[in-house]
C-alpha atoms as a PDB file:
ATOM      1  CA  MET A   1     206.594 -11.399  62.521  1.00  0.00           C
ATOM      2  CA  GLU A   2     203.717 -13.487  61.216  1.00  0.00           C
ATOM      3  CA  TYR A   3     201.386 -10.505  61.688  1.00  0.00           C
ATOM      4  CA  TYR A   4     203.414  -8.436  59.190  1.00  0.00           C
ATOM      5  CA  GLU A   5     203.499 -11.315  56.717  1.00  0.00           C
ATOM      6  CA  ASP A   6     199.701 -11.542  56.889  1.00  0.00           C
ATOM      7  CA  ILE A   7     199.400  -7.799  56.233  1.00  0.00           C
ATOM      8  CA  ALA A   8     201.843  -7.994  53.304  1.00  0.00           C
ATOM      9  CA  ARG A   9     199.998 -10.986  51.868  1.00  0.00           C
ATOM     10  CA  LYS A  10     196.631  -9.209  52.162  1.00  0.00           C
ATOM     11  CA  GLU A  11     198.028  -6.062  50.505  1.00  0.00           C
ATOM     12  CA  GLY A  12     199.544  -8.177  47.720  1.00  0.00           C
ATOM     13  CA  ILE A  13     196.231  -9.883  47.065  1.00  0.00           C
ATOM     14  CA  GLU A  14     194.397  -6.558  47.010  1.00  0.00           C
ATOM     15  CA  LEU A  15     196.955  -5.077  44.600  1.00  0.00           C
ATOM     16  CA  GLY A  16     196.734  -8.109  42.319  1.00  0.00           C
ATOM     17  CA  MET A  17     192.943  -7.941  42.273  1.00  0.00           C
ATOM     18  CA  SER A  18     193.014  -4.227  41.499  1.00  0.00           C
ATOM     19  CA  GLN A  19     195.463  -4.734  38.636  1.00  0.00           C
ATOM     20  CA  GLY A  20     193.390  -7.618  37.286  1.00  0.00           C
ATOM     21  CA  ILE A  21     190.215  -5.557  37.322  1.00  0.00           C
ATOM     22  CA  SER A  22     191.973  -2.677  35.581  1.00  0.00           C
ATOM     23  CA  GLU A  23     193.396  -4.999  32.914  1.00  0.00           C
ATOM     24  CA  GLY A  24     189.970  -6.557  32.384  1.00  0.00           C
ATOM     25  CA  GLU A  25     188.359  -3.144  31.948  1.00  0.00           C
ATOM     26  CA  SER A  26     190.992  -2.157  29.390  1.00  0.00           C
ATOM     27  CA  LYS A  27     190.551  -5.388  27.431  1.00  0.00           C
ATOM     28  CA  LYS A  28     186.788  -4.932  27.369  1.00  0.00           C
ATOM     29  CA  LEU A  29     187.222  -1.414  25.977  1.00  0.00           C
ATOM     30  CA  TYR A  30     189.670  -2.684  23.340  1.00  0.00           C
ATOM     31  CA  GLU A  31     187.127  -5.327  22.331  1.00  0.00           C
ATOM     32  CA  LEU A  32     184.303  -2.775  22.082  1.00  0.00           C
ATOM     33  CA  VAL A  33     186.455  -0.487  19.931  1.00  0.00           C
ATOM     34  CA  GLU A  34     187.605  -3.390  17.756  1.00  0.00           C
ATOM     35  CA  LYS A  35     183.963  -4.332  17.111  1.00  0.00           C
ATOM     36  CA  GLY A  36     183.049  -0.702  16.359  1.00  0.00           C
ATOM     37  CA  ILE A  37     180.601  -0.516  19.277  1.00  0.00           C
ATOM     38  CA  ILE A  38     182.355   2.486  20.832  1.00  0.00           C
ATOM     39  CA  THR A  39     184.780   5.004  19.368  1.00  0.00           C
ATOM     40  CA  ILE A  40     188.467   5.026  20.082  1.00  0.00           C
ATOM     41  CA  THR A  41     188.043   8.405  21.770  1.00  0.00           C
ATOM     42  CA  THR A  42     185.421   6.970  24.121  1.00  0.00           C
ATOM     43  CA  GLY A  43     187.664   4.030  24.976  1.00  0.00           C
ATOM     44  CA  ALA A  44     190.663   6.264  25.590  1.00  0.00           C
ATOM     45  CA  ASP A  45     188.645   8.682  27.740  1.00  0.00           C
ATOM     46  CA  ASN A  46     187.352   5.824  29.889  1.00  0.00           C
ATOM     47  CA  ILE A  47     190.850   4.787  30.958  1.00  0.00           C
ATOM     48  CA  GLY A  48     192.464   8.222  30.925  1.00  0.00           C
ATOM     49  CA  LEU A  49     194.742   7.812  27.910  1.00  0.00           C
ATOM     50  CA  SER A  50     195.281   9.864  24.791  1.00  0.00           C
ATOM     51  CA  VAL A  51     193.964   8.312  21.585  1.00  0.00           C
ATOM     52  CA  ASP A  52     197.534   7.503  20.446  1.00  0.00           C
ATOM     53  CA  GLU A  53     198.376   5.878  23.796  1.00  0.00           C
ATOM     54  CA  PHE A  54     195.134   3.904  23.674  1.00  0.00           C
ATOM     55  CA  LEU A  55     195.891   2.695  20.139  1.00  0.00           C
ATOM     56  CA  ASN A  56     199.387   1.602  21.137  1.00  0.00           C
ATOM     57  CA  GLN A  57     198.133  -0.238  24.243  1.00  0.00           C
ATOM     58  CA  MET A  58     195.377  -1.826  22.175  1.00  0.00           C
ATOM     59  CA  LYS A  59     197.941  -3.122  19.688  1.00  0.00           C
ATOM     60  CA  LEU A  60     200.188  -4.450  22.464  1.00  0.00           C
ATOM     61  CA  ALA A  61     197.213  -6.341  23.892  1.00  0.00           C
ATOM     62  CA  GLY A  62     196.577  -7.988  20.509  1.00  0.00           C
ATOM     63  CA  TYR A  63     193.524  -6.011  19.415  1.00  0.00           C
ATOM     64  CA  LYS A  64     193.019  -4.087  16.180  1.00  0.00           C
ATOM     65  CA  PRO A  65     191.015  -0.880  15.838  1.00  0.00           C
ATOM     66  CA  PRO A  66     188.527  -0.468  13.001  1.00  0.00           C
ATOM     67  CA  LYS A  67     190.267   0.136   9.660  1.00  0.00           C
ATOM     68  CA  GLN A  68     189.604   3.892   9.627  1.00  0.00           C
ATOM     69  CA  TYR A  69     192.123   4.257  12.485  1.00  0.00           C
ATOM     70  CA  PHE A  70     195.061   2.540  10.799  1.00  0.00           C
ATOM     71  CA  HIS A  71     196.245   5.788   9.228  1.00  0.00           C
ATOM     72  CA  ARG A  72     197.076   7.315  12.628  1.00  0.00           C
ATOM     73  CA  LYS A  73     200.726   8.041  13.281  1.00  0.00           C
ATOM     74  CA  ASN A  74     202.647   5.711  15.585  1.00  0.00           C
ATOM     75  CA  PHE A  75     200.247   2.843  14.917  1.00  0.00           C
ATOM     76  CA  ARG A  76     201.148   0.093  12.549  1.00  0.00           C
ATOM     77  CA  SER A  77     199.020  -2.968  11.981  1.00  0.00           C
END
């Protein structure tokens, strides 16, 4: 039984690390877009989202895109 618990624990750790890395990558892209270093399209392409999805996720994470993007539908500052 302990063998299966060790496997489950290892898989849980690996999943948590993977999710943490993914979240960190997303936050870094949001930060780069917010600072105007990369475009919103570049950020969205890098994590496989549409521009609108990227904008919504960016807002949920507490970041704001450069002002020229505020006019986009479904995004309210």
